[in-house]
Protein backbone atom coordinates (compact mmCIF):
# COMPACT_ATOMS: atom_id res chain seq x y z
CA MET A 1 57.87 82.40 132.45
CA VAL A 2 61.36 82.39 133.93
CA ARG A 3 62.86 85.77 134.64
CA ARG A 4 66.62 86.09 134.48
CA ALA A 5 68.51 88.88 136.15
CA VAL A 6 71.49 90.27 134.25
CA LEU A 7 74.15 91.33 136.72
CA PRO A 8 76.46 94.18 135.71
CA LEU A 9 80.13 93.32 135.27
CA SER A 10 82.61 94.78 137.68
CA PRO A 11 84.93 97.38 136.12
CA THR A 12 87.88 95.02 136.62
CA LEU A 13 86.17 92.07 134.89
CA ALA A 14 84.88 94.28 132.08
CA ALA A 15 88.38 95.62 131.47
CA TRP A 16 89.79 92.09 131.48
CA LEU A 17 87.22 90.86 128.94
CA ALA A 18 87.94 93.85 126.70
CA LYS A 19 91.66 93.06 126.78
CA CYS A 20 90.90 89.44 125.92
CA GLN A 21 88.78 90.54 122.96
CA TRP A 22 91.38 92.85 121.47
CA ALA A 23 94.34 90.60 122.30
CA CYS A 24 93.17 87.50 120.44
CA GLU A 25 89.54 87.93 119.43
CA SER A 26 88.47 86.08 122.63
CA LYS A 27 89.74 82.78 121.27
CA CYS A 28 89.82 81.34 124.78
CA PHE A 29 86.00 81.22 124.63
CA THR A 30 85.67 79.68 121.18
CA LYS A 31 86.26 76.27 119.67
CA PRO A 32 90.01 75.58 119.09
CA VAL A 33 91.04 76.32 115.52
CA ASN A 34 93.69 73.60 115.52
CA PRO A 35 92.17 70.53 117.25
CA SER A 36 94.70 67.74 117.56
CA GLU A 37 95.06 64.41 119.33
CA ASN A 38 98.85 64.78 119.39
CA PRO A 39 100.47 64.63 122.84
CA THR A 40 101.34 67.92 124.48
CA PHE A 41 104.94 68.98 125.05
CA GLU A 42 104.44 68.25 128.74
CA ASN A 43 103.43 64.67 127.96
CA VAL A 44 106.41 64.19 125.65
CA LEU A 45 108.85 65.54 128.22
CA ALA A 46 107.52 63.66 131.26
CA PRO A 47 108.86 60.17 130.38
CA ARG A 48 112.31 61.65 129.79
CA SER A 49 112.52 63.08 133.29
CA SER A 50 114.82 60.82 135.26
CA ARG A 51 115.57 60.43 138.95
CA ARG A 52 118.99 61.91 138.29
CA SER A 53 117.53 65.14 136.85
CA LEU A 54 115.07 65.31 139.74
CA LEU A 55 117.92 65.14 142.26
CA GLY A 56 119.79 67.79 140.30
CA GLY A 57 116.75 70.05 140.56
CA ALA A 58 116.54 69.41 144.29
CA ALA A 59 120.17 70.43 144.68
CA ALA A 60 119.48 73.65 142.83
CA VAL A 61 116.56 74.39 145.13
CA ALA A 62 118.82 73.82 148.12
CA LEU A 63 121.17 76.49 146.78
CA VAL A 64 118.34 78.95 146.34
CA PHE A 65 117.01 78.41 149.84
CA PRO A 66 120.09 77.93 152.05
CA ALA A 67 119.72 76.92 155.68
CA GLY A 68 120.61 79.38 158.39
CA ARG A 69 119.77 83.02 159.03
CA HIS A 70 117.29 84.56 156.61
CA GLU A 71 118.17 87.99 155.26
CA THR A 72 115.40 90.49 155.88
CA THR A 73 117.13 93.63 154.66
CA GLU A 74 115.83 95.49 151.61
CA ALA A 75 118.87 94.43 149.59
CA GLY A 76 118.29 90.81 150.62
CA GLN A 77 114.65 90.96 149.56
CA ARG A 78 115.56 92.46 146.16
CA GLY A 79 118.33 89.95 145.49
CA HIS A 80 120.36 90.99 142.43
CA LEU A 81 117.81 93.51 141.14
CA THR A 82 119.10 97.05 140.88
CA PHE A 83 115.63 98.60 141.12
CA ARG A 84 112.57 98.35 143.33
CA PRO A 85 110.03 96.06 141.57
CA ILE A 86 106.56 97.41 140.87
CA THR A 87 103.55 96.16 142.79
CA LEU A 88 100.84 94.20 141.01
CA ASP A 89 97.53 95.92 140.30
CA THR A 90 94.64 95.81 137.81
CA ARG A 91 95.03 99.27 136.31
CA ASP A 92 95.04 99.41 132.51
CA GLU A 93 98.22 101.46 132.20
CA VAL A 94 101.95 101.02 131.78
CA THR A 95 103.71 100.93 135.15
CA VAL A 96 107.50 101.17 135.52
CA PRO A 97 109.80 101.07 138.57
CA GLU A 98 110.76 104.21 140.44
CA GLY A 99 113.45 106.13 138.55
CA TYR A 100 112.31 104.82 135.15
CA GLU A 101 110.00 106.35 132.57
CA SER A 102 107.88 105.07 129.69
CA ARG A 103 107.33 106.98 126.47
CA VAL A 104 106.33 106.20 122.89
CA ILE A 105 109.21 106.10 120.40
CA VAL A 106 107.42 104.85 117.30
CA ARG A 107 103.75 104.09 116.62
CA TRP A 108 101.62 102.11 114.18
CA GLY A 109 101.68 103.87 110.84
CA ASP A 110 104.73 106.04 111.48
CA PRO A 111 106.66 106.32 108.18
CA LEU A 112 110.02 104.59 108.05
CA GLN A 113 111.34 106.98 105.42
CA SER A 114 111.65 110.75 105.68
CA TRP A 115 109.53 111.23 102.56
CA GLY A 116 106.51 109.36 103.93
CA PRO A 117 103.97 108.04 103.19
CA GLU A 118 102.05 109.61 106.05
CA PHE A 119 99.60 107.63 108.15
CA ARG A 120 95.91 108.03 107.23
CA PHE A 121 93.65 106.31 109.75
CA GLY A 122 90.85 104.34 108.09
CA GLU A 123 92.25 105.08 104.64
CA GLN A 124 95.47 103.10 104.68
CA SER A 125 96.71 101.44 101.53
CA PRO A 126 98.78 98.24 101.40
CA GLU A 127 101.58 100.13 99.66
CA ALA A 128 101.70 102.75 102.41
CA GLN A 129 101.47 100.26 105.29
CA ALA A 130 104.39 98.27 103.88
CA GLN A 131 106.57 101.37 104.34
CA GLN A 132 105.29 102.18 107.83
CA PHE A 133 105.68 100.79 111.32
CA GLY A 134 103.50 97.70 111.82
CA TYR A 135 100.58 96.94 114.13
CA ASN A 136 100.41 95.39 117.66
CA CYS A 137 103.92 94.97 119.02
CA ASP A 138 105.20 91.82 120.71
CA PHE A 139 108.91 90.95 121.00
CA VAL A 140 111.18 94.03 121.11
CA GLY A 141 114.97 93.78 120.85
CA LEU A 142 117.62 96.50 120.81
CA PHE A 143 120.82 95.87 118.83
CA LEU A 144 123.42 98.51 119.70
CA LEU A 145 125.50 99.97 116.88
CA GLY A 146 129.12 101.12 116.93
CA GLY A 147 130.46 104.43 115.73
CA ALA A 148 128.72 106.42 118.44
CA ALA A 149 128.85 106.91 122.18
CA SER A 150 128.42 103.61 123.97
CA GLY A 151 124.76 102.62 124.07
CA SER A 152 123.48 105.74 122.33
CA ARG A 153 122.52 104.29 118.93
CA GLY A 154 121.00 101.04 117.80
CA LEU A 155 118.45 99.11 115.79
CA LEU A 156 115.07 98.38 117.33
CA ALA A 157 113.55 95.11 116.08
CA VAL A 158 109.82 94.76 116.77
CA ASN A 159 107.46 91.84 116.07
CA HIS A 160 103.88 92.55 114.91
CA GLU A 161 101.79 89.58 116.01
CA TYR A 162 98.22 90.31 114.92
CA THR A 163 95.78 92.94 113.70
CA ASN A 164 92.45 94.26 115.01
CA PRO A 165 90.54 95.21 111.85
CA LYS A 166 87.54 96.48 113.82
CA LEU A 167 89.85 99.08 115.37
CA MET A 168 91.86 99.74 112.23
CA PHE A 169 88.94 100.42 109.86
CA PRO A 170 85.79 102.35 110.84
CA SER A 171 83.98 100.79 107.86
CA TYR A 172 85.03 97.21 108.67
CA ARG A 173 82.28 94.58 108.41
CA GLU A 174 83.03 91.49 110.50
CA GLY A 175 82.89 88.36 108.38
CA ASP A 176 82.77 90.40 105.17
CA PRO A 177 85.96 92.45 104.92
CA GLU A 178 86.91 94.35 101.81
CA ALA A 179 89.92 93.10 99.86
CA TRP A 180 91.95 96.27 100.45
CA GLN A 181 91.46 95.95 104.22
CA VAL A 182 92.80 92.40 104.21
CA ALA A 183 95.74 93.56 102.10
CA VAL A 184 96.53 96.32 104.62
CA GLU A 185 96.39 93.80 107.46
CA LEU A 186 98.92 91.56 105.70
CA GLU A 187 101.30 94.51 105.37
CA ALA A 188 100.82 95.40 109.07
CA HIS A 189 102.18 92.00 110.21
CA GLY A 190 105.78 90.86 110.33
CA VAL A 191 108.85 92.59 111.73
CA THR A 192 109.92 96.23 111.63
CA ILE A 193 113.54 97.36 112.00
CA VAL A 194 113.95 100.99 113.10
CA GLU A 195 117.13 102.92 113.89
CA VAL A 196 116.93 104.73 117.23
CA PHE A 197 119.29 107.13 118.97
CA GLN A 198 119.65 108.85 122.32
CA HIS A 199 120.41 112.53 122.95
CA GLY A 200 123.19 112.41 125.53
CA HIS A 201 121.70 110.57 128.47
CA GLY A 202 118.20 111.78 127.64
CA GLN A 203 115.29 110.41 125.64
CA TRP A 204 115.40 107.96 122.76
CA HIS A 205 114.04 108.84 119.30
CA ASP A 206 113.53 107.03 116.02
CA ARG A 207 115.35 108.12 112.86
CA PRO A 208 113.01 108.20 109.82
CA GLY A 209 114.96 107.83 106.61
CA SER A 210 117.69 105.63 108.08
CA PRO A 211 119.06 103.13 105.52
CA PHE A 212 118.55 100.44 108.17
CA ASN A 213 114.78 101.00 108.43
CA ARG A 214 112.69 98.27 106.87
CA HIS A 215 109.42 96.39 107.33
CA ILE A 216 109.33 92.67 106.55
CA THR A 217 105.61 92.09 106.06
CA GLY A 218 103.16 89.28 105.43
CA THR A 219 103.93 89.44 101.70
CA THR A 220 107.68 90.14 101.68
CA ARG A 221 109.20 87.29 99.68
CA ARG A 222 112.50 85.97 101.04
CA GLU A 223 114.91 83.22 100.06
CA LEU A 224 115.06 80.30 102.49
CA THR A 225 118.50 78.80 103.20
CA GLY A 226 119.89 76.23 105.61
CA PRO A 227 119.25 72.49 106.06
CA ALA A 228 115.46 72.86 105.81
CA ALA A 229 115.56 74.52 102.39
CA GLY A 230 113.91 72.40 99.71
CA SER A 231 111.98 70.20 102.13
CA ASP A 232 108.62 68.95 100.90
CA TRP A 233 107.09 70.46 104.04
CA LEU A 234 108.12 73.92 102.84
CA LYS A 235 106.77 73.65 99.31
CA THR A 236 103.68 75.79 98.75
CA SER A 237 101.23 76.63 95.99
CA THR A 238 103.35 79.66 95.10
CA ASP A 239 106.76 77.97 95.36
CA SER A 240 107.29 74.35 94.36
CA THR A 241 111.00 74.44 95.30
CA GLY A 242 110.58 74.98 99.03
CA THR A 243 113.16 77.78 98.99
CA VAL A 244 111.03 80.95 98.88
CA LEU A 245 108.91 82.32 101.73
CA ASP A 246 105.83 84.47 101.15
CA GLY A 247 106.37 86.86 104.03
CA THR A 248 105.88 86.22 107.74
CA LEU A 249 102.70 86.34 109.86
CA ASN A 250 101.71 86.42 113.54
CA ASN A 251 105.24 87.07 114.76
CA CYS A 252 105.17 86.65 118.54
CA ALA A 253 108.28 85.37 120.31
CA GLY A 254 111.74 86.54 119.38
CA GLY A 255 115.28 86.78 120.64
CA LYS A 256 118.85 87.95 120.12
CA THR A 257 121.46 85.32 119.34
CA LEU A 258 125.03 85.32 120.65
CA ARG A 259 126.10 86.29 117.12
CA GLY A 260 124.05 89.47 117.31
CA THR A 261 121.35 88.29 114.91
CA LEU A 262 117.58 88.36 115.29
CA LEU A 263 115.26 85.41 115.86
CA THR A 264 111.58 85.97 115.09
CA CYS A 265 108.95 83.27 115.51
CA GLU A 266 105.47 82.90 114.04
CA GLU A 267 102.76 81.82 116.46
CA ASN A 268 98.98 81.92 115.99
CA PHE A 269 97.20 81.38 112.70
CA HIS A 270 93.57 81.67 113.81
CA GLN A 271 93.11 84.85 111.77
């Protein structure tokens, strides 16, 4: 008989594995859900890299690392940063630079309208979740609004990339979810727009009941316009015209355009 010793995990490794589990259901340790023989982006880009672009990159490096005396002052070390960067560590907590603070403005389940519906942990309904702040934030963008003191009022756009049903529902059975739980998860995805404001130069707050507040969920139907509209690749079982979208899921990356509009991008589909 072979005896095997089970070594305890270090607190750091245990914390890392827990983060991996709740971040993406530990998909790094499972079989890929989208196996493909297609070339990677790196492989597509490599042949297009020319000697000319390589020399251009070398010139840029030369500008970053000029010859001569090396600045050793604190300002020289910080470059153009106006704050002292944080030091890296393994603590499971939010760390901000000196002189800054971190606080919660809006949370999963917070109602977007002044009349509710209120959050009920473990007893959410799809109808309620659709009118509340979504789950698991990713991209966050602040769009400042006029008509107020400079920088004191704006719209907060937040992506909701994925859901953790085992944390959301105490009665959740892995592999055998109830229909209402899946429906709630769909409404917890997408993008939430929340109006926020600042008291003087103090803390920021959300504004429940603002006419700007909205939650575009996994079932929010939207018209598709632009050159891609009507493409065969966009036709689905629920829309044969390729001009209607059935909501948005797994919204990860995002951005603010020069026109002041929001970009939101879907990512994973392994759920």
